[in-house]
Amino acid sequence: MHNGAIRDFQLLRRRLTLELEDTWFAEITGSTDSELMFLLALQFGISDDQRLYAVRYSSEQDSRTLFYSREVRALERELGPCPPAIMQQMTGDAHCVVSEPLSDLMELWEPIPEATFITIDRGRVETRPFEPAT
């Protein structure tokens, strides 16, 4: 999920929009950089049904926050039951990745450091430094 601002987005918007396949292009309802980046992420795969990928990075080295849940079942106990359709898709080792914690209980959340690539694979969380290619 994109949670920030893309500098000079107006100069990149057309080129990025042309990368969208027709199916994803039809889903555009607004004009924000977040919406376009989310659709591109869905098209190119932020998940492959086994793994979820996320990056916390900003060229200014000061990106907005990103967290992952330590245990999704603990979140459900804290926040109340999730809709059955969502719970049927989650296993006991599922994790949530969010820009801000969904509760005041910080012990349920693990902050993702700046310039970090995270992979969640069947409940196992792996983090490693992220540096974009130049």
Protein backbone atom coordinates (compact mmCIF):
# COMPACT_ATOMS: atom_id res chain seq x y z
CA MET A 1 0.00 0.00 0.00
CA HIS A 2 1.26 3.46 -0.85
CA ASN A 3 1.04 5.84 2.09
CA GLY A 4 2.67 9.08 1.18
CA ALA A 5 3.20 11.46 -1.65
CA ILE A 6 5.05 11.00 -4.92
CA ARG A 7 7.05 14.09 -5.76
CA ASP A 8 6.17 15.44 -9.23
CA PHE A 9 3.35 12.91 -9.56
CA GLN A 10 1.71 15.08 -12.21
CA LEU A 11 4.77 14.42 -14.42
CA LEU A 12 4.61 10.64 -13.87
CA ARG A 13 0.85 10.06 -13.82
CA ARG A 14 0.35 9.47 -17.55
CA ARG A 15 3.26 7.05 -17.86
CA LEU A 16 2.19 5.09 -14.77
CA THR A 17 -1.45 5.01 -15.86
CA LEU A 18 -0.46 3.55 -19.23
CA GLU A 19 1.10 0.62 -17.37
CA LEU A 20 -2.34 -0.45 -16.09
CA GLU A 21 -4.09 -3.25 -17.95
CA ASP A 22 -7.64 -2.43 -19.06
CA THR A 23 -9.18 -4.45 -16.22
CA TRP A 24 -7.35 -2.42 -13.57
CA PHE A 25 -7.75 0.88 -15.45
CA ALA A 26 -11.53 0.44 -15.25
CA GLU A 27 -11.23 0.46 -11.44
CA ILE A 28 -9.92 4.05 -11.26
CA THR A 29 -12.43 6.28 -9.52
CA GLY A 30 -10.22 9.20 -8.48
CA SER A 31 -6.98 10.93 -9.33
CA THR A 32 -4.72 10.30 -6.35
CA ASP A 33 -1.25 8.83 -6.46
CA SER A 34 -2.31 6.36 -3.72
CA GLU A 35 -5.10 4.89 -5.84
CA LEU A 36 -2.88 4.48 -8.89
CA MET A 37 -0.04 2.92 -6.89
CA PHE A 38 -2.46 0.51 -5.20
CA LEU A 39 -3.89 -0.63 -8.56
CA LEU A 40 -0.38 -1.09 -9.96
CA ALA A 41 0.57 -3.11 -6.89
CA LEU A 42 -2.48 -5.33 -7.35
CA GLN A 43 -1.72 -5.79 -11.05
CA PHE A 44 1.94 -6.62 -10.56
CA GLY A 45 1.40 -8.67 -7.42
CA ILE A 46 1.83 -7.61 -3.82
CA SER A 47 0.82 -11.15 -2.92
CA ASP A 48 0.97 -14.57 -4.55
CA ASP A 49 -1.56 -16.37 -2.29
CA GLN A 50 1.28 -17.58 -0.08
CA ARG A 51 3.41 -14.50 0.55
CA LEU A 52 2.73 -10.83 1.14
CA TYR A 53 5.34 -8.21 0.28
CA ALA A 54 5.65 -4.66 1.61
CA VAL A 55 8.28 -1.92 1.58
CA ARG A 56 8.75 1.06 3.85
CA TYR A 57 10.87 3.52 1.91
CA SER A 58 11.12 7.19 1.01
CA SER A 59 13.78 8.91 -1.05
CA GLU A 60 13.81 11.56 1.72
CA GLN A 61 14.63 8.79 4.25
CA ASP A 62 11.61 9.83 6.30
CA SER A 63 8.68 7.70 5.12
CA ARG A 64 5.40 7.43 6.92
CA THR A 65 4.96 4.63 9.42
CA LEU A 66 4.28 0.98 8.64
CA PHE A 67 3.46 -1.84 11.07
CA TYR A 68 2.63 -5.52 11.00
CA SER A 69 0.50 -7.36 13.52
CA ARG A 70 2.23 -9.83 15.78
CA GLU A 71 -0.84 -12.09 15.97
CA VAL A 72 -4.04 -11.55 14.03
CA ARG A 73 -6.16 -13.55 16.50
CA ALA A 74 -5.08 -11.18 19.30
CA LEU A 75 -6.28 -8.30 17.14
CA GLU A 76 -9.65 -9.95 16.76
CA ARG A 77 -9.91 -10.36 20.53
CA GLU A 78 -9.06 -6.66 20.98
CA LEU A 79 -11.11 -5.16 18.14
CA GLY A 80 -14.02 -7.58 18.05
CA PRO A 81 -14.94 -10.29 15.57
CA CYS A 82 -14.00 -9.88 11.93
CA PRO A 83 -16.63 -10.58 9.27
CA PRO A 84 -16.90 -14.35 8.64
CA ALA A 85 -15.92 -13.94 4.98
CA ILE A 86 -12.59 -12.44 6.04
CA MET A 87 -11.96 -14.94 8.84
CA GLN A 88 -12.54 -17.88 6.47
CA GLN A 89 -9.62 -16.65 4.38
CA MET A 90 -7.24 -16.17 7.32
CA THR A 91 -5.21 -18.82 9.00
CA GLY A 92 -3.92 -18.66 12.55
CA ASP A 93 -0.57 -17.45 11.29
CA ALA A 94 -1.96 -14.49 9.31
CA HIS A 95 -0.60 -10.98 9.79
CA CYS A 96 -1.95 -7.53 8.92
CA VAL A 97 0.23 -4.80 7.42
CA VAL A 98 -1.05 -1.30 8.20
CA SER A 99 0.11 2.29 8.06
CA GLU A 100 -1.15 2.92 11.60
CA PRO A 101 -1.96 0.48 14.42
CA LEU A 102 -5.63 -0.46 14.61
CA SER A 103 -5.62 -0.31 18.40
CA ASP A 104 -3.89 1.46 21.27
CA LEU A 105 -2.25 -1.79 22.36
CA MET A 106 1.20 -1.27 20.85
CA GLU A 107 2.31 -4.71 22.02
CA LEU A 108 0.13 -6.14 19.22
CA TRP A 109 2.13 -4.28 16.56
CA GLU A 110 5.67 -4.46 15.28
CA PRO A 111 7.00 -1.28 13.63
CA ILE A 112 8.73 -1.76 10.29
CA PRO A 113 11.94 0.30 10.17
CA GLU A 114 12.68 2.90 7.50
CA ALA A 115 14.16 1.46 4.27
CA THR A 116 12.94 -2.09 4.94
CA PHE A 117 11.51 -4.79 2.66
CA ILE A 118 9.21 -7.25 4.43
CA THR A 119 8.01 -10.66 3.33
CA ILE A 120 5.32 -12.55 5.21
CA ASP A 121 5.38 -16.19 4.16
CA ARG A 122 2.90 -18.58 5.82
CA GLY A 123 3.16 -16.71 9.11
CA ARG A 124 6.92 -16.22 9.05
CA VAL A 125 7.98 -12.57 8.89
CA GLU A 126 11.28 -11.70 7.24
CA THR A 127 12.68 -8.18 7.06
CA ARG A 128 15.75 -6.98 5.20
CA PRO A 129 17.22 -3.64 4.21
CA PHE A 130 15.77 -2.02 1.09
CA GLU A 131 17.79 0.08 -1.31
CA PRO A 132 16.31 0.84 -4.73
CA ALA A 133 18.44 0.23 -7.81
CA THR A 134 19.99 3.39 -9.17
